[in-house]
PDB file of N, CA and C in Angstrom:
ATOM      1  N   MET A   1       2.320  10.555  -8.849  1.00  0.00           N
ATOM      2  CA  MET A   1       3.538  10.923  -8.154  1.00  0.00           C
ATOM      3  C   MET A   1       3.271  10.983  -6.659  1.00  0.00           C
ATOM      4  N   ILE A   2       4.172  10.465  -5.889  1.00  0.00           N
ATOM      5  CA  ILE A   2       4.061  10.550  -4.444  1.00  0.00           C
ATOM      6  C   ILE A   2       4.319  11.988  -4.039  1.00  0.00           C
ATOM      7  N   ASN A   3       3.455  12.499  -3.206  1.00  0.00           N
ATOM      8  CA  ASN A   3       3.585  13.878  -2.773  1.00  0.00           C
ATOM      9  C   ASN A   3       3.540  13.921  -1.252  1.00  0.00           C
ATOM     10  N   PRO A   4       4.612  14.360  -0.599  1.00  0.00           N
ATOM     11  CA  PRO A   4       4.607  14.397   0.866  1.00  0.00           C
ATOM     12  C   PRO A   4       3.610  15.385   1.445  1.00  0.00           C
ATOM     13  N   ASN A   5       2.976  16.181   0.579  1.00  0.00           N
ATOM     14  CA  ASN A   5       1.984  17.150   1.040  1.00  0.00           C
ATOM     15  C   ASN A   5       0.551  16.643   0.898  1.00  0.00           C
ATOM     16  N   TYR A   6       0.366  15.410   0.387  1.00  0.00           N
ATOM     17  CA  TYR A   6      -0.986  14.865   0.272  1.00  0.00           C
ATOM     18  C   TYR A   6      -1.611  14.775   1.660  1.00  0.00           C
ATOM     19  N   THR A   7      -2.890  15.094   1.721  1.00  0.00           N
ATOM     20  CA  THR A   7      -3.669  14.917   2.939  1.00  0.00           C
ATOM     21  C   THR A   7      -4.836  13.997   2.607  1.00  0.00           C
ATOM     22  N   VAL A   8      -5.591  13.610   3.613  1.00  0.00           N
ATOM     23  CA  VAL A   8      -6.744  12.756   3.361  1.00  0.00           C
ATOM     24  C   VAL A   8      -7.768  13.444   2.454  1.00  0.00           C
ATOM     25  N   ASP A   9      -7.773  14.759   2.428  1.00  0.00           N
ATOM     26  CA  ASP A   9      -8.732  15.501   1.601  1.00  0.00           C
ATOM     27  C   ASP A   9      -8.512  15.291   0.107  1.00  0.00           C
ATOM     28  N   TYR A  10      -7.332  14.841  -0.286  1.00  0.00           N
ATOM     29  CA  TYR A  10      -7.015  14.623  -1.688  1.00  0.00           C
ATOM     30  C   TYR A  10      -7.720  13.371  -2.241  1.00  0.00           C
ATOM     31  N   PHE A  11      -8.088  12.440  -1.362  1.00  0.00           N
ATOM     32  CA  PHE A  11      -8.639  11.147  -1.770  1.00  0.00           C
ATOM     33  C   PHE A  11     -10.121  11.053  -1.438  1.00  0.00           C
ATOM     34  N   GLU A  12     -10.861  10.306  -2.287  1.00  0.00           N
ATOM     35  CA  GLU A  12     -12.289  10.086  -2.098  1.00  0.00           C
ATOM     36  C   GLU A  12     -12.576   8.591  -2.114  1.00  0.00           C
ATOM     37  N   VAL A  13     -13.683   8.213  -1.496  1.00  0.00           N
ATOM     38  CA  VAL A  13     -14.118   6.815  -1.526  1.00  0.00           C
ATOM     39  C   VAL A  13     -14.287   6.372  -2.975  1.00  0.00           C
ATOM     40  N   GLY A  14     -13.737   5.218  -3.304  1.00  0.00           N
ATOM     41  CA  GLY A  14     -13.818   4.681  -4.663  1.00  0.00           C
ATOM     42  C   GLY A  14     -12.597   4.956  -5.510  1.00  0.00           C
ATOM     43  N   ASP A  15     -11.719   5.865  -5.070  1.00  0.00           N
ATOM     44  CA  ASP A  15     -10.483   6.136  -5.819  1.00  0.00           C
ATOM     45  C   ASP A  15      -9.612   4.888  -5.866  1.00  0.00           C
ATOM     46  N   ILE A  16      -8.990   4.664  -6.995  1.00  0.00           N
ATOM     47  CA  ILE A  16      -8.014   3.586  -7.122  1.00  0.00           C
ATOM     48  C   ILE A  16      -6.641   4.194  -6.843  1.00  0.00           C
ATOM     49  N   VAL A  17      -5.929   3.583  -5.915  1.00  0.00           N
ATOM     50  CA  VAL A  17      -4.654   4.130  -5.459  1.00  0.00           C
ATOM     51  C   VAL A  17      -3.571   3.051  -5.460  1.00  0.00           C
ATOM     52  N   PHE A  18      -2.348   3.508  -5.441  1.00  0.00           N
ATOM     53  CA  PHE A  18      -1.200   2.636  -5.189  1.00  0.00           C
ATOM     54  C   PHE A  18      -0.564   3.065  -3.883  1.00  0.00           C
ATOM     55  N   TYR A  19      -0.283   2.093  -3.030  1.00  0.00           N
ATOM     56  CA  TYR A  19       0.528   2.327  -1.841  1.00  0.00           C
ATOM     57  C   TYR A  19       1.962   2.049  -2.253  1.00  0.00           C
ATOM     58  N   VAL A  20       2.815   3.067  -2.159  1.00  0.00           N
ATOM     59  CA  VAL A  20       4.213   2.923  -2.566  1.00  0.00           C
ATOM     60  C   VAL A  20       5.108   3.376  -1.408  1.00  0.00           C
ATOM     61  N   PRO A  21       5.581   2.427  -0.600  1.00  0.00           N
ATOM     62  CA  PRO A  21       6.525   2.804   0.454  1.00  0.00           C
ATOM     63  C   PRO A  21       7.856   3.194  -0.171  1.00  0.00           C
ATOM     64  N   SER A  22       8.702   3.843   0.592  1.00  0.00           N
ATOM     65  CA  SER A  22       9.981   4.318   0.029  1.00  0.00           C
ATOM     66  C   SER A  22      10.799   3.184  -0.579  1.00  0.00           C
ATOM     67  N   HIS A  23      10.752   1.981  -0.008  1.00  0.00           N
ATOM     68  CA  HIS A  23      11.530   0.870  -0.567  1.00  0.00           C
ATOM     69  C   HIS A  23      10.885   0.278  -1.827  1.00  0.00           C
ATOM     70  N   GLY A  24       9.685   0.742  -2.208  1.00  0.00           N
ATOM     71  CA  GLY A  24       9.019   0.231  -3.398  1.00  0.00           C
ATOM     72  C   GLY A  24       9.021   1.176  -4.581  1.00  0.00           C
ATOM     73  N   ILE A  25       9.680   2.308  -4.447  1.00  0.00           N
ATOM     74  CA  ILE A  25       9.660   3.301  -5.528  1.00  0.00           C
ATOM     75  C   ILE A  25      10.300   2.745  -6.802  1.00  0.00           C
ATOM     76  N   ARG A  26      11.365   1.974  -6.683  1.00  0.00           N
ATOM     77  CA  ARG A  26      12.014   1.402  -7.881  1.00  0.00           C
ATOM     78  C   ARG A  26      11.064   0.455  -8.610  1.00  0.00           C
ATOM     79  N   ASP A  27      10.356  -0.392  -7.873  1.00  0.00           N
ATOM     80  CA  ASP A  27       9.393  -1.296  -8.500  1.00  0.00           C
ATOM     81  C   ASP A  27       8.306  -0.514  -9.223  1.00  0.00           C
ATOM     82  N   TYR A  28       7.809   0.538  -8.587  1.00  0.00           N
ATOM     83  CA  TYR A  28       6.760   1.362  -9.192  1.00  0.00           C
ATOM     84  C   TYR A  28       7.271   2.027 -10.466  1.00  0.00           C
ATOM     85  N   ALA A  29       8.479   2.567 -10.423  1.00  0.00           N
ATOM     86  CA  ALA A  29       9.061   3.220 -11.604  1.00  0.00           C
ATOM     87  C   ALA A  29       9.218   2.233 -12.749  1.00  0.00           C
ATOM     88  N   ASN A  30       9.649   1.019 -12.449  1.00  0.00           N
ATOM     89  CA  ASN A  30       9.789   0.002 -13.490  1.00  0.00           C
ATOM     90  C   ASN A  30       8.438  -0.403 -14.049  1.00  0.00           C
ATOM     91  N   TRP A  31       7.421  -0.491 -13.190  1.00  0.00           N
ATOM     92  CA  TRP A  31       6.092  -0.830 -13.667  1.00  0.00           C
ATOM     93  C   TRP A  31       5.572   0.255 -14.599  1.00  0.00           C
ATOM     94  N   LEU A  32       5.779   1.520 -14.247  1.00  0.00           N
ATOM     95  CA  LEU A  32       5.362   2.619 -15.113  1.00  0.00           C
ATOM     96  C   LEU A  32       6.063   2.562 -16.454  1.00  0.00           C
ATOM     97  N   GLY A  33       7.312   2.109 -16.440  1.00  0.00           N
ATOM     98  CA  GLY A  33       8.085   1.985 -17.673  1.00  0.00           C
ATOM     99  C   GLY A  33       7.668   0.802 -18.519  1.00  0.00           C
ATOM    100  N   GLY A  34       6.739  -0.025 -18.019  1.00  0.00           N
ATOM    101  CA  GLY A  34       6.190  -1.112 -18.820  1.00  0.00           C
ATOM    102  C   GLY A  34       6.808  -2.461 -18.593  1.00  0.00           C
ATOM    103  N   GLY A  35       7.589  -2.627 -17.543  1.00  0.00           N
ATOM    104  CA  GLY A  35       8.172  -3.947 -17.380  1.00  0.00           C
ATOM    105  C   GLY A  35       8.553  -4.280 -15.967  1.00  0.00           C
ATOM    106  N   ASP A  36       8.754  -5.534 -15.773  1.00  0.00           N
ATOM    107  CA  ASP A  36       9.232  -6.095 -14.521  1.00  0.00           C
ATOM    108  C   ASP A  36      10.718  -6.345 -14.730  1.00  0.00           C
ATOM    109  N   TYR A  37      11.564  -5.613 -14.007  1.00  0.00           N
ATOM    110  CA  TYR A  37      12.986  -5.691 -14.305  1.00  0.00           C
ATOM    111  C   TYR A  37      13.586  -7.056 -14.034  1.00  0.00           C
ATOM    112  N   SER A  38      12.915  -7.915 -13.269  1.00  0.00           N
ATOM    113  CA  SER A  38      13.467  -9.249 -13.050  1.00  0.00           C
ATOM    114  C   SER A  38      12.975 -10.259 -14.078  1.00  0.00           C
ATOM    115  N   GLU A  39      11.826  -9.992 -14.696  1.00  0.00           N
ATOM    116  CA  GLU A  39      11.260 -10.923 -15.672  1.00  0.00           C
ATOM    117  C   GLU A  39      11.292 -10.377 -17.095  1.00  0.00           C
ATOM    118  N   GLY A  40      11.377  -9.056 -17.253  1.00  0.00           N
ATOM    119  CA  GLY A  40      11.466  -8.472 -18.576  1.00  0.00           C
ATOM    120  C   GLY A  40      10.139  -8.209 -19.259  1.00  0.00           C
ATOM    121  N   ASP A  41       9.015  -8.401 -18.534  1.00  0.00           N
ATOM    122  CA  ASP A  41       7.746  -8.108 -19.172  1.00  0.00           C
ATOM    123  C   ASP A  41       6.781  -7.464 -18.184  1.00  0.00           C
ATOM    124  N   PHE A  42       5.635  -7.040 -18.691  1.00  0.00           N
ATOM    125  CA  PHE A  42       4.640  -6.309 -17.914  1.00  0.00           C
ATOM    126  C   PHE A  42       4.050  -7.210 -16.830  1.00  0.00           C
ATOM    127  N   PHE A  43       3.737  -6.641 -15.675  1.00  0.00           N
ATOM    128  CA  PHE A  43       3.072  -7.408 -14.629  1.00  0.00           C
ATOM    129  C   PHE A  43       1.877  -6.643 -14.094  1.00  0.00           C
ATOM    130  N   ASP A  44       0.971  -7.358 -13.488  1.00  0.00           N
ATOM    131  CA  ASP A  44      -0.215  -6.773 -12.882  1.00  0.00           C
ATOM    132  C   ASP A  44       0.049  -6.620 -11.392  1.00  0.00           C
ATOM    133  N   PRO A  45       0.033  -5.387 -10.846  1.00  0.00           N
ATOM    134  CA  PRO A  45       0.337  -5.209  -9.422  1.00  0.00           C
ATOM    135  C   PRO A  45      -0.642  -5.925  -8.503  1.00  0.00           C
ATOM    136  N   ARG A  46      -1.835  -6.276  -9.006  1.00  0.00           N
ATOM    137  CA  ARG A  46      -2.775  -7.033  -8.181  1.00  0.00           C
ATOM    138  C   ARG A  46      -2.272  -8.446  -7.929  1.00  0.00           C
ATOM    139  N   MET A  47      -1.421  -8.947  -8.804  1.00  0.00           N
ATOM    140  CA  MET A  47      -0.960 -10.328  -8.717  1.00  0.00           C
ATOM    141  C   MET A  47       0.517 -10.437  -8.338  1.00  0.00           C
ATOM    142  N   SER A  48       1.186  -9.330  -8.159  1.00  0.00           N
ATOM    143  CA  SER A  48       2.630  -9.362  -7.987  1.00  0.00           C
ATOM    144  C   SER A  48       3.042  -9.439  -6.524  1.00  0.00           C
ATOM    145  N   ASN A  49       4.314  -9.718  -6.323  1.00  0.00           N
ATOM    146  CA  ASN A  49       4.924  -9.704  -5.001  1.00  0.00           C
ATOM    147  C   ASN A  49       5.818  -8.490  -4.859  1.00  0.00           C
ATOM    148  N   PHE A  50       5.558  -7.464  -5.648  1.00  0.00           N
ATOM    149  CA  PHE A  50       6.400  -6.282  -5.628  1.00  0.00           C
ATOM    150  C   PHE A  50       6.089  -5.409  -4.426  1.00  0.00           C
ATOM    151  N   ASN A  51       6.907  -4.417  -4.219  1.00  0.00           N
ATOM    152  CA  ASN A  51       6.843  -3.593  -3.019  1.00  0.00           C
ATOM    153  C   ASN A  51       5.901  -2.406  -3.143  1.00  0.00           C
ATOM    154  N   PHE A  52       4.871  -2.523  -3.944  1.00  0.00           N
ATOM    155  CA  PHE A  52       3.790  -1.547  -3.935  1.00  0.00           C
ATOM    156  C   PHE A  52       2.490  -2.295  -4.181  1.00  0.00           C
ATOM    157  N   GLU A  53       1.397  -1.719  -3.726  1.00  0.00           N
ATOM    158  CA  GLU A  53       0.122  -2.412  -3.778  1.00  0.00           C
ATOM    159  C   GLU A  53      -0.958  -1.529  -4.372  1.00  0.00           C
ATOM    160  N   GLU A  54      -1.851  -2.139  -5.143  1.00  0.00           N
ATOM    161  CA  GLU A  54      -3.009  -1.432  -5.672  1.00  0.00           C
ATOM    162  C   GLU A  54      -4.201  -1.674  -4.760  1.00  0.00           C
ATOM    163  N   GLY A  55      -5.026  -0.643  -4.589  1.00  0.00           N
ATOM    164  CA  GLY A  55      -6.202  -0.803  -3.761  1.00  0.00           C
ATOM    165  C   GLY A  55      -7.266   0.218  -4.085  1.00  0.00           C
ATOM    166  N   ILE A  56      -8.374   0.128  -3.356  1.00  0.00           N
ATOM    167  CA  ILE A  56      -9.516   1.027  -3.538  1.00  0.00           C
ATOM    168  C   ILE A  56      -9.807   1.687  -2.197  1.00  0.00           C
ATOM    169  N   VAL A  57      -9.950   3.000  -2.211  1.00  0.00           N
ATOM    170  CA  VAL A  57     -10.252   3.744  -0.986  1.00  0.00           C
ATOM    171  C   VAL A  57     -11.665   3.386  -0.544  1.00  0.00           C
ATOM    172  N   SER A  58     -11.785   2.938   0.724  1.00  0.00           N
ATOM    173  CA  SER A  58     -13.107   2.587   1.248  1.00  0.00           C
ATOM    174  C   SER A  58     -13.646   3.628   2.225  1.00  0.00           C
ATOM    175  N   SER A  59     -12.739   4.364   2.890  1.00  0.00           N
ATOM    176  CA  SER A  59     -13.152   5.437   3.799  1.00  0.00           C
ATOM    177  C   SER A  59     -11.906   6.223   4.204  1.00  0.00           C
ATOM    178  N   LYS A  60     -12.119   7.229   5.040  1.00  0.00           N
ATOM    179  CA  LYS A  60     -10.993   8.019   5.545  1.00  0.00           C
ATOM    180  C   LYS A  60     -11.428   8.715   6.825  1.00  0.00           C
ATOM    181  N   ASN A  61     -10.445   9.117   7.607  1.00  0.00           N
ATOM    182  CA  ASN A  61     -10.721   9.937   8.778  1.00  0.00           C
ATOM    183  C   ASN A  61      -9.797  11.148   8.713  1.00  0.00           C
ATOM    184  N   ASP A  62      -9.563  11.818   9.816  1.00  0.00           N
ATOM    185  CA  ASP A  62      -8.725  13.017   9.795  1.00  0.00           C
ATOM    186  C   ASP A  62      -7.260  12.738   9.530  1.00  0.00           C
ATOM    187  N   LYS A  63      -6.813  11.486   9.758  1.00  0.00           N
ATOM    188  CA  LYS A  63      -5.394  11.169   9.657  1.00  0.00           C
ATOM    189  C   LYS A  63      -5.047  10.134   8.590  1.00  0.00           C
ATOM    190  N   TYR A  64      -5.937   9.162   8.373  1.00  0.00           N
ATOM    191  CA  TYR A  64      -5.629   8.040   7.487  1.00  0.00           C
ATOM    192  C   TYR A  64      -6.656   7.873   6.382  1.00  0.00           C
ATOM    193  N   VAL A  65      -6.184   7.270   5.293  1.00  0.00           N
ATOM    194  CA  VAL A  65      -7.043   6.805   4.218  1.00  0.00           C
ATOM    195  C   VAL A  65      -7.136   5.290   4.396  1.00  0.00           C
ATOM    196  N   PHE A  66      -8.338   4.742   4.408  1.00  0.00           N
ATOM    197  CA  PHE A  66      -8.524   3.303   4.587  1.00  0.00           C
ATOM    198  C   PHE A  66      -8.704   2.676   3.207  1.00  0.00           C
ATOM    199  N   VAL A  67      -7.810   1.736   2.918  1.00  0.00           N
ATOM    200  CA  VAL A  67      -7.719   1.170   1.576  1.00  0.00           C
ATOM    201  C   VAL A  67      -7.888  -0.342   1.640  1.00  0.00           C
ATOM    202  N   LYS A  68      -8.730  -0.870   0.743  1.00  0.00           N
ATOM    203  CA  LYS A  68      -8.837  -2.319   0.555  1.00  0.00           C
ATOM    204  C   LYS A  68      -7.864  -2.676  -0.565  1.00  0.00           C
ATOM    205  N   TYR A  69      -6.864  -3.478  -0.234  1.00  0.00           N
ATOM    206  CA  TYR A  69      -5.822  -3.834  -1.189  1.00  0.00           C
ATOM    207  C   TYR A  69      -6.110  -5.170  -1.847  1.00  0.00           C
ATOM    208  N   TRP A  70      -5.550  -5.318  -3.053  1.00  0.00           N
ATOM    209  CA  TRP A  70      -5.605  -6.592  -3.772  1.00  0.00           C
ATOM    210  C   TRP A  70      -4.526  -7.507  -3.217  1.00  0.00           C
ATOM    211  N   ASN A  71      -4.854  -8.789  -3.079  1.00  0.00           N
ATOM    212  CA  ASN A  71      -3.880  -9.788  -2.637  1.00  0.00           C
ATOM    213  C   ASN A  71      -4.111 -11.048  -3.453  1.00  0.00           C
ATOM    214  N   LYS A  72      -3.150 -11.386  -4.297  1.00  0.00           N
ATOM    215  CA  LYS A  72      -3.222 -12.580  -5.141  1.00  0.00           C
ATOM    216  C   LYS A  72      -4.503 -12.609  -5.967  1.00  0.00           C
ATOM    217  N   GLY A  73      -4.864 -11.459  -6.518  1.00  0.00           N
ATOM    218  CA  GLY A  73      -6.017 -11.367  -7.407  1.00  0.00           C
ATOM    219  C   GLY A  73      -7.345 -11.157  -6.718  1.00  0.00           C
ATOM    220  N   GLU A  74      -7.370 -11.115  -5.393  1.00  0.00           N
ATOM    221  CA  GLU A  74      -8.604 -10.933  -4.634  1.00  0.00           C
ATOM    222  C   GLU A  74      -8.555  -9.618  -3.870  1.00  0.00           C
ATOM    223  N   LEU A  75      -9.659  -8.886  -3.853  1.00  0.00           N
ATOM    224  CA  LEU A  75      -9.749  -7.661  -3.075  1.00  0.00           C
ATOM    225  C   LEU A  75     -10.036  -8.034  -1.626  1.00  0.00           C
ATOM    226  N   LEU A  76      -9.185  -7.572  -0.710  1.00  0.00           N
ATOM    227  CA  LEU A  76      -9.344  -7.913   0.700  1.00  0.00           C
ATOM    228  C   LEU A  76     -10.625  -7.302   1.259  1.00  0.00           C
ATOM    229  N   GLU A  77     -11.240  -7.982   2.201  1.00  0.00           N
ATOM    230  CA  GLU A  77     -12.457  -7.498   2.859  1.00  0.00           C
ATOM    231  C   GLU A  77     -12.169  -6.359   3.822  1.00  0.00           C
ATOM    232  N   THR A  78     -11.013  -6.431   4.491  1.00  0.00           N
ATOM    233  CA  THR A  78     -10.659  -5.461   5.519  1.00  0.00           C
ATOM    234  C   THR A  78      -9.764  -4.377   4.944  1.00  0.00           C
ATOM    235  N   ALA A  79     -10.116  -3.125   5.218  1.00  0.00           N
ATOM    236  CA  ALA A  79      -9.308  -1.992   4.761  1.00  0.00           C
ATOM    237  C   ALA A  79      -8.170  -1.748   5.748  1.00  0.00           C
ATOM    238  N   LYS A  80      -7.048  -1.275   5.224  1.00  0.00           N
ATOM    239  CA  LYS A  80      -5.894  -0.938   6.055  1.00  0.00           C
ATOM    240  C   LYS A  80      -5.738   0.578   6.119  1.00  0.00           C
ATOM    241  N   ALA A  81      -5.449   1.075   7.323  1.00  0.00           N
ATOM    242  CA  ALA A  81      -5.178   2.501   7.497  1.00  0.00           C
ATOM    243  C   ALA A  81      -3.841   2.812   6.830  1.00  0.00           C
ATOM    244  N   THR A  82      -3.827   3.802   5.949  1.00  0.00           N
ATOM    245  CA  THR A  82      -2.637   4.142   5.180  1.00  0.00           C
ATOM    246  C   THR A  82      -2.415   5.648   5.215  1.00  0.00           C
ATOM    247  N   SER A  83      -1.172   6.050   5.410  1.00  0.00           N
ATOM    248  CA  SER A  83      -0.837   7.469   5.384  1.00  0.00           C
ATOM    249  C   SER A  83      -1.044   8.010   3.971  1.00  0.00           C
ATOM    250  N   PRO A  84      -1.699   9.145   3.826  1.00  0.00           N
ATOM    251  CA  PRO A  84      -1.908   9.697   2.483  1.00  0.00           C
ATOM    252  C   PRO A  84      -0.606  10.082   1.778  1.00  0.00           C
ATOM    253  N   THR A  85       0.460  10.290   2.524  1.00  0.00           N
ATOM    254  CA  THR A  85       1.734  10.654   1.894  1.00  0.00           C
ATOM    255  C   THR A  85       2.406   9.463   1.224  1.00  0.00           C
ATOM    256  N   SER A  86       1.905   8.246   1.460  1.00  0.00           N
ATOM    257  CA  SER A  86       2.449   7.044   0.827  1.00  0.00           C
ATOM    258  C   SER A  86       1.573   6.544  -0.316  1.00  0.00           C
ATOM    259  N   LEU A  87       0.557   7.316  -0.672  1.00  0.00           N
ATOM    260  CA  LEU A  87      -0.370   6.894  -1.714  1.00  0.00           C
ATOM    261  C   LEU A  87      -0.195   7.696  -2.992  1.00  0.00           C
ATOM    262  N   ILE A  88      -0.480   7.038  -4.098  1.00  0.00           N
ATOM    263  CA  ILE A  88      -0.526   7.673  -5.410  1.00  0.00           C
ATOM    264  C   ILE A  88      -1.945   7.484  -5.940  1.00  0.00           C
ATOM    265  N   LEU A  89      -2.579   8.570  -6.331  1.00  0.00           N
ATOM    266  CA  LEU A  89      -3.907   8.470  -6.936  1.00  0.00           C
ATOM    267  C   LEU A  89      -3.737   7.960  -8.362  1.00  0.00           C
ATOM    268  N   TRP A  90      -4.382   6.837  -8.663  1.00  0.00           N
ATOM    269  CA  TRP A  90      -4.272   6.256  -9.996  1.00  0.00           C
ATOM    270  C   TRP A  90      -5.482   6.624 -10.838  1.00  0.00           C
ATOM    271  N   LYS A  91      -6.697   6.440 -10.291  1.00  0.00           N
ATOM    272  CA  LYS A  91      -7.921   6.777 -11.025  1.00  0.00           C
ATOM    273  C   LYS A  91      -8.967   7.261 -10.038  1.00  0.00           C
ATOM    274  N   LYS A  92      -9.736   8.235 -10.489  1.00  0.00           N
ATOM    275  CA  LYS A  92     -10.898   8.669  -9.728  1.00  0.00           C
ATOM    276  C   LYS A  92     -12.068   7.807 -10.189  1.00  0.00           C
ATOM    277  N   GLU A  93     -12.509   6.879  -9.334  1.00  0.00           N
ATOM    278  CA  GLU A  93     -13.636   6.021  -9.674  1.00  0.00           C
ATOM    279  C   GLU A  93     -14.486   5.807  -8.449  1.00  0.00           C
ATOM    280  N   LYS A  94     -15.727   5.509  -8.680  1.00  0.00           N
ATOM    281  CA  LYS A  94     -16.639   5.211  -7.598  1.00  0.00           C
ATOM    282  C   LYS A  94     -16.844   3.710  -7.495  1.00  0.00           C
ATOM    283  N   LEU A  95     -17.043   3.243  -6.273  1.00  0.00           N
ATOM    284  CA  LEU A  95     -17.304   1.812  -6.049  1.00  0.00           C
ATOM    285  C   LEU A  95     -18.594   1.368  -6.701  1.00  0.00           C
TER     286      LEU A  95
END
């Protein structure tokens, strides 16, 4: 669940997260429900063009969580600074 009170302290390096901007909440809800509302079946967010992204936390500072996101099945080399209030913790895992 997206929590506007999340801080960088909630996330650790290696955590699997979803970045869900406000315009992507519907896509995320449909994915949780088991389907892609435009195609009618399950999709992998690593391969999709939907408005949320799966990634792995690579580092953090006092303000941002740095996440390496999947793009077309490949994990990007460069991490993007992401607000912790836009992230959902999916799994606690280590790299």
